[in-house]
Amino acid sequence: MSTRTTKKPKMLGHSITKLLRNMGIEEKVKEYQAINEWSQIVGENVSKVTKAQRVVNGILFVKVKNSSWRNELIYMRQEILIKLDKTVGRGIIKEVRFI
């Protein structure tokens, strides 16, 4: 009989996160997640008139259909940042710019 020590199983997500961190790309992957999940983060109405385009130095650039919506979104910016923090992690997206 062999004497094996049993280790607790780890969640796959935890292992992947650790691998990404070790590779130095965890933050970039989370930035991409913010772009990829934009529609779910802001909801159907806002996603119809916006498109998350890129993240540069923690700033998420979002294309907006028109200036009326841009003004509305400026008022919603803090709420959107809170949702982004909950989705991709605190501090990954530091600012949202509507263009």
N, C-alpha and C. Protein backbone atom coordinates (compact mmCIF):
# COMPACT_ATOMS: atom_id res chain seq x y z
N MET A 1 0.82 -1.18 0.00
CA MET A 1 0.00 0.00 0.00
C MET A 1 0.87 1.24 0.00
N SER A 2 0.44 2.19 -0.74
CA SER A 2 1.20 3.43 -0.77
C SER A 2 0.64 4.39 0.26
N THR A 3 1.51 5.22 0.74
CA THR A 3 1.07 6.22 1.71
C THR A 3 1.04 7.58 1.01
N ARG A 4 -0.13 7.92 0.55
CA ARG A 4 -0.31 9.20 -0.13
C ARG A 4 -0.95 10.19 0.83
N THR A 5 -0.44 11.37 0.79
CA THR A 5 -1.11 12.40 1.56
C THR A 5 -2.18 13.01 0.68
N THR A 6 -3.30 13.22 1.25
CA THR A 6 -4.39 13.80 0.47
C THR A 6 -4.41 15.31 0.67
N LYS A 7 -4.53 15.99 -0.43
CA LYS A 7 -4.62 17.43 -0.39
C LYS A 7 -6.06 17.81 -0.65
N LYS A 8 -6.45 18.93 -0.09
CA LYS A 8 -7.78 19.43 -0.36
C LYS A 8 -7.86 19.85 -1.83
N PRO A 9 -8.95 19.52 -2.48
CA PRO A 9 -9.09 19.96 -3.86
C PRO A 9 -9.25 21.48 -3.92
N LYS A 10 -8.67 22.06 -4.96
CA LYS A 10 -8.77 23.51 -5.14
C LYS A 10 -9.77 23.81 -6.23
N MET A 11 -10.40 24.94 -6.10
CA MET A 11 -11.32 25.38 -7.14
C MET A 11 -10.51 25.72 -8.38
N LEU A 12 -11.01 25.36 -9.54
CA LEU A 12 -10.33 25.63 -10.79
C LEU A 12 -10.12 27.13 -10.98
N GLY A 13 -11.13 27.93 -10.66
CA GLY A 13 -11.03 29.38 -10.81
C GLY A 13 -9.87 29.94 -10.00
N HIS A 14 -9.68 29.43 -8.78
CA HIS A 14 -8.57 29.88 -7.93
C HIS A 14 -7.23 29.55 -8.59
N SER A 15 -7.13 28.37 -9.15
CA SER A 15 -5.88 27.95 -9.79
C SER A 15 -5.58 28.80 -11.03
N ILE A 16 -6.63 29.10 -11.80
CA ILE A 16 -6.43 29.93 -12.99
C ILE A 16 -6.02 31.34 -12.60
N THR A 17 -6.67 31.89 -11.58
CA THR A 17 -6.31 33.24 -11.11
C THR A 17 -4.86 33.28 -10.66
N LYS A 18 -4.44 32.27 -9.94
CA LYS A 18 -3.06 32.21 -9.46
C LYS A 18 -2.09 32.12 -10.65
N LEU A 19 -2.44 31.32 -11.65
CA LEU A 19 -1.60 31.19 -12.85
C LEU A 19 -1.49 32.53 -13.58
N LEU A 20 -2.62 33.22 -13.75
CA LEU A 20 -2.61 34.52 -14.43
C LEU A 20 -1.77 35.53 -13.66
N ARG A 21 -1.89 35.52 -12.34
CA ARG A 21 -1.09 36.42 -11.51
C ARG A 21 0.39 36.11 -11.67
N ASN A 22 0.75 34.84 -11.64
CA ASN A 22 2.15 34.45 -11.79
C ASN A 22 2.70 34.83 -13.16
N MET A 23 1.84 34.81 -14.16
CA MET A 23 2.27 35.18 -15.52
C MET A 23 2.30 36.70 -15.71
N GLY A 24 1.73 37.43 -14.75
CA GLY A 24 1.73 38.88 -14.82
C GLY A 24 0.65 39.45 -15.74
N ILE A 25 -0.39 38.67 -16.01
CA ILE A 25 -1.43 39.15 -16.94
C ILE A 25 -2.82 39.20 -16.30
N GLU A 26 -2.90 39.02 -15.02
CA GLU A 26 -4.20 39.00 -14.34
C GLU A 26 -4.96 40.31 -14.56
N GLU A 27 -4.29 41.44 -14.41
CA GLU A 27 -4.96 42.73 -14.57
C GLU A 27 -5.45 42.93 -16.00
N LYS A 28 -4.65 42.56 -16.99
CA LYS A 28 -5.06 42.70 -18.39
C LYS A 28 -6.28 41.83 -18.70
N VAL A 29 -6.32 40.64 -18.15
CA VAL A 29 -7.46 39.76 -18.36
C VAL A 29 -8.71 40.38 -17.73
N LYS A 30 -8.59 40.97 -16.56
CA LYS A 30 -9.73 41.60 -15.91
C LYS A 30 -10.17 42.85 -16.67
N GLU A 31 -9.23 43.58 -17.26
CA GLU A 31 -9.61 44.72 -18.10
C GLU A 31 -10.42 44.24 -19.30
N TYR A 32 -9.98 43.18 -19.92
CA TYR A 32 -10.72 42.62 -21.05
C TYR A 32 -12.10 42.15 -20.60
N GLN A 33 -12.20 41.60 -19.40
CA GLN A 33 -13.48 41.16 -18.86
C GLN A 33 -14.44 42.34 -18.74
N ALA A 34 -13.94 43.51 -18.34
CA ALA A 34 -14.79 44.70 -18.23
C ALA A 34 -15.39 45.06 -19.59
N ILE A 35 -14.59 44.96 -20.64
CA ILE A 35 -15.07 45.24 -21.99
C ILE A 35 -16.05 44.17 -22.43
N ASN A 36 -15.68 42.94 -22.23
CA ASN A 36 -16.49 41.80 -22.68
C ASN A 36 -17.85 41.73 -21.98
N GLU A 37 -17.91 42.10 -20.72
CA GLU A 37 -19.14 41.99 -19.94
C GLU A 37 -19.87 43.33 -19.77
N TRP A 38 -19.48 44.32 -20.55
CA TRP A 38 -20.07 45.66 -20.45
C TRP A 38 -21.61 45.61 -20.48
N SER A 39 -22.17 44.89 -21.41
CA SER A 39 -23.64 44.83 -21.55
C SER A 39 -24.31 44.32 -20.28
N GLN A 40 -23.74 43.29 -19.66
CA GLN A 40 -24.32 42.74 -18.44
C GLN A 40 -24.13 43.70 -17.26
N ILE A 41 -23.04 44.44 -17.26
CA ILE A 41 -22.73 45.35 -16.16
C ILE A 41 -23.69 46.53 -16.16
N VAL A 42 -23.94 47.13 -17.33
CA VAL A 42 -24.74 48.35 -17.38
C VAL A 42 -26.21 48.11 -17.71
N GLY A 43 -26.54 46.94 -18.19
CA GLY A 43 -27.92 46.63 -18.51
C GLY A 43 -28.26 46.90 -19.97
N GLU A 44 -29.43 46.41 -20.35
CA GLU A 44 -29.85 46.43 -21.75
C GLU A 44 -30.00 47.84 -22.33
N ASN A 45 -30.66 48.73 -21.59
CA ASN A 45 -30.91 50.08 -22.11
C ASN A 45 -29.63 50.83 -22.42
N VAL A 46 -28.70 50.81 -21.48
CA VAL A 46 -27.44 51.53 -21.68
C VAL A 46 -26.59 50.83 -22.74
N SER A 47 -26.59 49.52 -22.75
CA SER A 47 -25.76 48.80 -23.72
C SER A 47 -26.22 49.01 -25.16
N LYS A 48 -27.49 49.38 -25.35
CA LYS A 48 -27.98 49.65 -26.70
C LYS A 48 -27.36 50.91 -27.29
N VAL A 49 -26.92 51.83 -26.44
CA VAL A 49 -26.41 53.12 -26.93
C VAL A 49 -24.93 53.32 -26.62
N THR A 50 -24.26 52.27 -26.13
CA THR A 50 -22.85 52.38 -25.79
C THR A 50 -22.08 51.15 -26.27
N LYS A 51 -20.76 51.31 -26.32
CA LYS A 51 -19.88 50.18 -26.62
C LYS A 51 -18.55 50.43 -25.92
N ALA A 52 -18.21 49.53 -24.99
CA ALA A 52 -16.91 49.61 -24.34
C ALA A 52 -15.84 49.26 -25.37
N GLN A 53 -14.83 50.13 -25.50
CA GLN A 53 -13.87 49.95 -26.58
C GLN A 53 -12.49 49.48 -26.14
N ARG A 54 -11.95 50.10 -25.10
CA ARG A 54 -10.59 49.75 -24.69
C ARG A 54 -10.34 50.23 -23.27
N VAL A 55 -9.27 49.70 -22.68
CA VAL A 55 -8.82 50.15 -21.36
C VAL A 55 -7.36 50.56 -21.50
N VAL A 56 -7.06 51.77 -21.07
CA VAL A 56 -5.69 52.29 -21.09
C VAL A 56 -5.38 52.86 -19.72
N ASN A 57 -4.37 52.32 -19.07
CA ASN A 57 -3.96 52.77 -17.74
C ASN A 57 -5.12 52.84 -16.75
N GLY A 58 -5.98 51.84 -16.78
CA GLY A 58 -7.09 51.76 -15.85
C GLY A 58 -8.30 52.60 -16.23
N ILE A 59 -8.25 53.24 -17.40
CA ILE A 59 -9.36 54.06 -17.87
C ILE A 59 -10.11 53.30 -18.95
N LEU A 60 -11.40 53.06 -18.71
CA LEU A 60 -12.26 52.39 -19.68
C LEU A 60 -12.89 53.44 -20.58
N PHE A 61 -12.64 53.32 -21.88
CA PHE A 61 -13.20 54.24 -22.86
C PHE A 61 -14.45 53.60 -23.46
N VAL A 62 -15.55 54.36 -23.40
CA VAL A 62 -16.84 53.86 -23.85
C VAL A 62 -17.40 54.80 -24.91
N LYS A 63 -17.66 54.27 -26.09
CA LYS A 63 -18.28 55.03 -27.17
C LYS A 63 -19.77 55.15 -26.89
N VAL A 64 -20.29 56.39 -27.00
CA VAL A 64 -21.70 56.66 -26.71
C VAL A 64 -22.37 57.18 -27.99
N LYS A 65 -23.61 56.74 -28.20
CA LYS A 65 -24.35 57.05 -29.42
C LYS A 65 -24.54 58.55 -29.66
N ASN A 66 -24.87 59.31 -28.60
CA ASN A 66 -25.09 60.74 -28.78
C ASN A 66 -24.79 61.50 -27.49
N SER A 67 -24.78 62.83 -27.59
CA SER A 67 -24.41 63.67 -26.45
C SER A 67 -25.44 63.63 -25.33
N SER A 68 -26.70 63.42 -25.65
CA SER A 68 -27.72 63.32 -24.60
C SER A 68 -27.43 62.13 -23.69
N TRP A 69 -27.15 60.99 -24.30
CA TRP A 69 -26.81 59.80 -23.52
C TRP A 69 -25.49 60.00 -22.79
N ARG A 70 -24.55 60.66 -23.43
CA ARG A 70 -23.25 60.91 -22.78
C ARG A 70 -23.45 61.69 -21.49
N ASN A 71 -24.27 62.73 -21.53
CA ASN A 71 -24.54 63.52 -20.33
C ASN A 71 -25.22 62.68 -19.25
N GLU A 72 -26.16 61.86 -19.64
CA GLU A 72 -26.84 60.98 -18.68
C GLU A 72 -25.84 60.02 -18.02
N LEU A 73 -24.95 59.47 -18.82
CA LEU A 73 -23.98 58.50 -18.30
C LEU A 73 -22.96 59.15 -17.37
N ILE A 74 -22.65 60.40 -17.61
CA ILE A 74 -21.74 61.10 -16.71
C ILE A 74 -22.32 61.13 -15.30
N TYR A 75 -23.63 61.31 -15.20
CA TYR A 75 -24.29 61.28 -13.89
C TYR A 75 -24.31 59.88 -13.29
N MET A 76 -24.27 58.87 -14.13
CA MET A 76 -24.31 57.48 -13.66
C MET A 76 -22.91 56.88 -13.45
N ARG A 77 -21.88 57.65 -13.71
CA ARG A 77 -20.50 57.15 -13.70
C ARG A 77 -20.13 56.42 -12.41
N GLN A 78 -20.42 57.01 -11.26
CA GLN A 78 -20.04 56.40 -9.99
C GLN A 78 -20.73 55.05 -9.80
N GLU A 79 -21.99 54.98 -10.15
CA GLU A 79 -22.74 53.72 -10.05
C GLU A 79 -22.13 52.66 -10.97
N ILE A 80 -21.74 53.07 -12.16
CA ILE A 80 -21.12 52.14 -13.11
C ILE A 80 -19.78 51.65 -12.58
N LEU A 81 -18.99 52.55 -11.98
CA LEU A 81 -17.70 52.15 -11.40
C LEU A 81 -17.89 51.13 -10.28
N ILE A 82 -18.91 51.31 -9.48
CA ILE A 82 -19.20 50.35 -8.40
C ILE A 82 -19.52 48.98 -8.98
N LYS A 83 -20.34 48.96 -10.03
CA LYS A 83 -20.67 47.69 -10.69
C LYS A 83 -19.43 47.05 -11.31
N LEU A 84 -18.57 47.86 -11.91
CA LEU A 84 -17.33 47.34 -12.49
C LEU A 84 -16.44 46.73 -11.40
N ASP A 85 -16.33 47.42 -10.27
CA ASP A 85 -15.54 46.89 -9.14
C ASP A 85 -16.06 45.53 -8.70
N LYS A 86 -17.37 45.38 -8.63
CA LYS A 86 -17.97 44.11 -8.20
C LYS A 86 -17.73 43.01 -9.23
N THR A 87 -17.68 43.38 -10.51
CA THR A 87 -17.55 42.39 -11.56
C THR A 87 -16.10 41.98 -11.82
N VAL A 88 -15.21 42.94 -11.94
CA VAL A 88 -13.83 42.62 -12.34
C VAL A 88 -12.81 42.77 -11.22
N GLY A 89 -13.23 43.33 -10.11
CA GLY A 89 -12.31 43.52 -8.99
C GLY A 89 -12.06 44.99 -8.74
N ARG A 90 -11.92 45.30 -7.49
CA ARG A 90 -11.74 46.69 -7.07
C ARG A 90 -10.45 47.29 -7.62
N GLY A 91 -10.58 48.47 -8.22
CA GLY A 91 -9.41 49.21 -8.66
C GLY A 91 -8.87 48.83 -10.03
N ILE A 92 -9.46 47.82 -10.68
CA ILE A 92 -9.00 47.47 -12.02
C ILE A 92 -9.36 48.59 -12.98
N ILE A 93 -10.61 49.03 -12.94
CA ILE A 93 -11.06 50.17 -13.73
C ILE A 93 -11.14 51.35 -12.78
N LYS A 94 -10.30 52.34 -13.01
CA LYS A 94 -10.22 53.50 -12.11
C LYS A 94 -11.11 54.65 -12.56
N GLU A 95 -11.42 54.67 -13.87
CA GLU A 95 -12.19 55.76 -14.42
C GLU A 95 -12.91 55.27 -15.67
N VAL A 96 -14.06 55.86 -15.95
CA VAL A 96 -14.78 55.58 -17.20
C VAL A 96 -14.91 56.89 -17.95
N ARG A 97 -14.47 56.88 -19.20
CA ARG A 97 -14.60 58.06 -20.06
C ARG A 97 -15.55 57.75 -21.19
N PHE A 98 -16.53 58.62 -21.33
CA PHE A 98 -17.53 58.46 -22.36
C PHE A 98 -17.15 59.33 -23.56
N ILE A 99 -17.00 58.68 -24.71
CA ILE A 99 -16.54 59.39 -25.91
C ILE A 99 -17.56 59.28 -27.02
